[in-house]
Amino acid sequence: MTKTISLSEDAYNTLKKLKLWGESFSDTILRLVKTKAKLSQILPLYPELRGNEEYARAISELRETVDKRLS
């Protein structure tokens, strides 16, 4: 089953740059989620949120939650 998502042009271009040869976009997203990405790697996907301290704090908390679930 597939789902359709919308991305900003910037987010699409950033994801495309992160995509490895032979990977689907789904594969790329799963690879990135499974790695311990730094906030600095995630923020370029959402340039409109750059500098938003509340957003940065929320992402850090979410990352901690995800790490605990994957452990």
N, C-alpha and C. Protein backbone atom coordinates (compact mmCIF):
# COMPACT_ATOMS: atom_id res chain seq x y z
N MET A 1 0.85 -1.18 0.00
CA MET A 1 0.00 0.00 0.00
C MET A 1 0.89 1.24 0.00
N THR A 2 0.51 2.25 -0.72
CA THR A 2 1.29 3.49 -0.77
C THR A 2 0.44 4.65 -0.28
N LYS A 3 1.12 5.68 0.15
CA LYS A 3 0.48 6.93 0.60
C LYS A 3 1.12 8.07 -0.17
N THR A 4 0.37 9.10 -0.41
CA THR A 4 0.88 10.28 -1.08
C THR A 4 1.12 11.38 -0.04
N ILE A 5 2.28 12.02 -0.14
CA ILE A 5 2.60 13.13 0.76
C ILE A 5 2.99 14.34 -0.08
N SER A 6 2.86 15.50 0.49
CA SER A 6 3.26 16.73 -0.19
C SER A 6 4.52 17.27 0.46
N LEU A 7 5.44 17.73 -0.38
CA LEU A 7 6.68 18.33 0.09
C LEU A 7 6.84 19.68 -0.56
N SER A 8 7.48 20.59 0.14
CA SER A 8 7.83 21.85 -0.49
C SER A 8 8.89 21.56 -1.54
N GLU A 9 9.08 22.48 -2.45
CA GLU A 9 10.10 22.32 -3.49
C GLU A 9 11.48 22.14 -2.86
N ASP A 10 11.77 22.93 -1.83
CA ASP A 10 13.06 22.82 -1.14
C ASP A 10 13.23 21.45 -0.48
N ALA A 11 12.18 20.97 0.17
CA ALA A 11 12.26 19.67 0.84
C ALA A 11 12.47 18.56 -0.19
N TYR A 12 11.78 18.63 -1.31
CA TYR A 12 11.94 17.63 -2.36
C TYR A 12 13.37 17.63 -2.89
N ASN A 13 13.90 18.82 -3.18
CA ASN A 13 15.26 18.92 -3.72
C ASN A 13 16.30 18.41 -2.72
N THR A 14 16.09 18.70 -1.44
CA THR A 14 17.01 18.21 -0.41
C THR A 14 16.94 16.70 -0.32
N LEU A 15 15.75 16.14 -0.30
CA LEU A 15 15.59 14.69 -0.24
C LEU A 15 16.20 14.03 -1.47
N LYS A 16 16.03 14.65 -2.62
CA LYS A 16 16.59 14.11 -3.87
C LYS A 16 18.12 14.07 -3.79
N LYS A 17 18.73 15.10 -3.17
CA LYS A 17 20.19 15.13 -3.01
C LYS A 17 20.68 14.04 -2.06
N LEU A 18 19.85 13.68 -1.08
CA LEU A 18 20.22 12.66 -0.09
C LEU A 18 20.00 11.25 -0.61
N LYS A 19 19.26 11.12 -1.69
CA LYS A 19 18.90 9.82 -2.27
C LYS A 19 20.13 9.19 -2.90
N LEU A 20 20.39 7.94 -2.55
CA LEU A 20 21.50 7.19 -3.12
C LEU A 20 21.07 6.53 -4.42
N TRP A 21 22.04 6.22 -5.25
CA TRP A 21 21.75 5.56 -6.53
C TRP A 21 21.01 4.25 -6.27
N GLY A 22 19.93 4.04 -6.98
CA GLY A 22 19.16 2.80 -6.84
C GLY A 22 18.13 2.82 -5.73
N GLU A 23 18.12 3.85 -4.92
CA GLU A 23 17.15 3.96 -3.83
C GLU A 23 15.88 4.62 -4.31
N SER A 24 14.76 4.17 -3.80
CA SER A 24 13.50 4.89 -3.99
C SER A 24 13.45 6.00 -2.94
N PHE A 25 12.52 6.92 -3.09
CA PHE A 25 12.37 7.95 -2.07
C PHE A 25 11.98 7.31 -0.74
N SER A 26 11.15 6.28 -0.79
CA SER A 26 10.78 5.57 0.45
C SER A 26 12.00 4.97 1.12
N ASP A 27 12.87 4.34 0.32
CA ASP A 27 14.10 3.77 0.87
C ASP A 27 14.96 4.85 1.53
N THR A 28 15.05 6.00 0.86
CA THR A 28 15.86 7.10 1.39
C THR A 28 15.32 7.58 2.72
N ILE A 29 14.03 7.78 2.80
CA ILE A 29 13.41 8.24 4.05
C ILE A 29 13.64 7.22 5.16
N LEU A 30 13.43 5.95 4.86
CA LEU A 30 13.63 4.91 5.88
C LEU A 30 15.09 4.87 6.33
N ARG A 31 16.03 5.00 5.40
CA ARG A 31 17.45 5.02 5.76
C ARG A 31 17.75 6.19 6.69
N LEU A 32 17.23 7.36 6.35
CA LEU A 32 17.50 8.54 7.15
C LEU A 32 16.86 8.46 8.54
N VAL A 33 15.69 7.88 8.61
CA VAL A 33 15.00 7.76 9.90
C VAL A 33 15.72 6.76 10.80
N LYS A 34 16.26 5.72 10.20
CA LYS A 34 16.94 4.69 11.00
C LYS A 34 18.30 5.14 11.51
N THR A 35 18.90 6.12 10.86
CA THR A 35 20.18 6.62 11.34
C THR A 35 19.92 7.67 12.41
N LYS A 36 20.89 7.92 13.21
CA LYS A 36 20.74 8.94 14.23
C LYS A 36 21.10 10.28 13.62
N ALA A 37 20.16 10.81 12.88
CA ALA A 37 20.38 12.09 12.20
C ALA A 37 20.48 13.21 13.22
N LYS A 38 21.33 14.17 12.90
CA LYS A 38 21.46 15.35 13.73
C LYS A 38 20.42 16.37 13.30
N LEU A 39 20.04 17.22 14.21
CA LEU A 39 19.08 18.27 13.90
C LEU A 39 19.55 19.08 12.70
N SER A 40 20.85 19.28 12.58
CA SER A 40 21.38 20.06 11.47
C SER A 40 21.16 19.37 10.12
N GLN A 41 20.92 18.06 10.13
CA GLN A 41 20.63 17.33 8.91
C GLN A 41 19.14 17.38 8.57
N ILE A 42 18.31 17.59 9.56
CA ILE A 42 16.86 17.59 9.36
C ILE A 42 16.35 18.97 8.99
N LEU A 43 16.89 20.01 9.62
CA LEU A 43 16.40 21.37 9.38
C LEU A 43 16.42 21.81 7.92
N PRO A 44 17.42 21.41 7.11
CA PRO A 44 17.37 21.84 5.71
C PRO A 44 16.13 21.36 4.95
N LEU A 45 15.48 20.33 5.47
CA LEU A 45 14.25 19.85 4.83
C LEU A 45 13.10 20.83 5.03
N TYR A 46 13.23 21.70 6.03
CA TYR A 46 12.18 22.68 6.35
C TYR A 46 12.80 24.05 6.55
N PRO A 47 13.27 24.68 5.48
CA PRO A 47 13.96 25.97 5.63
C PRO A 47 13.09 27.06 6.24
N GLU A 48 11.79 26.95 6.09
CA GLU A 48 10.90 27.97 6.65
C GLU A 48 10.88 27.95 8.18
N LEU A 49 11.41 26.88 8.78
CA LEU A 49 11.42 26.77 10.24
C LEU A 49 12.78 27.08 10.85
N ARG A 50 13.75 27.41 10.00
CA ARG A 50 15.10 27.71 10.48
C ARG A 50 15.06 28.83 11.51
N GLY A 51 15.71 28.64 12.62
CA GLY A 51 15.78 29.66 13.65
C GLY A 51 14.63 29.60 14.65
N ASN A 52 13.68 28.71 14.46
CA ASN A 52 12.54 28.60 15.36
C ASN A 52 12.93 27.71 16.54
N GLU A 53 13.17 28.32 17.69
CA GLU A 53 13.64 27.58 18.88
C GLU A 53 12.62 26.55 19.36
N GLU A 54 11.35 26.89 19.30
CA GLU A 54 10.31 25.95 19.74
C GLU A 54 10.33 24.70 18.86
N TYR A 55 10.51 24.90 17.57
CA TYR A 55 10.59 23.77 16.63
C TYR A 55 11.80 22.90 16.96
N ALA A 56 12.95 23.52 17.18
CA ALA A 56 14.17 22.77 17.49
C ALA A 56 13.99 21.94 18.76
N ARG A 57 13.36 22.52 19.76
CA ARG A 57 13.11 21.81 21.02
C ARG A 57 12.17 20.62 20.78
N ALA A 58 11.12 20.83 19.99
CA ALA A 58 10.17 19.75 19.71
C ALA A 58 10.84 18.61 18.94
N ILE A 59 11.70 18.94 18.00
CA ILE A 59 12.41 17.91 17.23
C ILE A 59 13.33 17.12 18.14
N SER A 60 14.02 17.78 19.04
CA SER A 60 14.92 17.09 19.97
C SER A 60 14.14 16.12 20.85
N GLU A 61 12.99 16.55 21.35
CA GLU A 61 12.16 15.69 22.19
C GLU A 61 11.63 14.51 21.39
N LEU A 62 11.22 14.76 20.15
CA LEU A 62 10.72 13.69 19.28
C LEU A 62 11.83 12.68 19.01
N ARG A 63 13.03 13.18 18.74
CA ARG A 63 14.17 12.31 18.46
C ARG A 63 14.44 11.39 19.64
N GLU A 64 14.37 11.93 20.86
CA GLU A 64 14.58 11.12 22.05
C GLU A 64 13.52 10.03 22.16
N THR A 65 12.28 10.37 21.89
CA THR A 65 11.18 9.40 21.93
C THR A 65 11.37 8.30 20.92
N VAL A 66 11.73 8.67 19.71
CA VAL A 66 11.96 7.69 18.64
C VAL A 66 13.13 6.79 19.01
N ASP A 67 14.22 7.37 19.51
CA ASP A 67 15.39 6.56 19.91
C ASP A 67 15.00 5.53 20.97
N LYS A 68 14.18 5.93 21.93
CA LYS A 68 13.76 4.99 22.98
C LYS A 68 12.94 3.86 22.40
N ARG A 69 12.06 4.18 21.44
CA ARG A 69 11.22 3.15 20.82
C ARG A 69 12.04 2.17 19.98
N LEU A 70 13.10 2.67 19.34
CA LEU A 70 13.93 1.83 18.48
C LEU A 70 14.95 1.02 19.26
N SER A 71 15.15 1.36 20.53
CA SER A 71 16.15 0.65 21.34
C SER A 71 15.64 -0.70 21.81
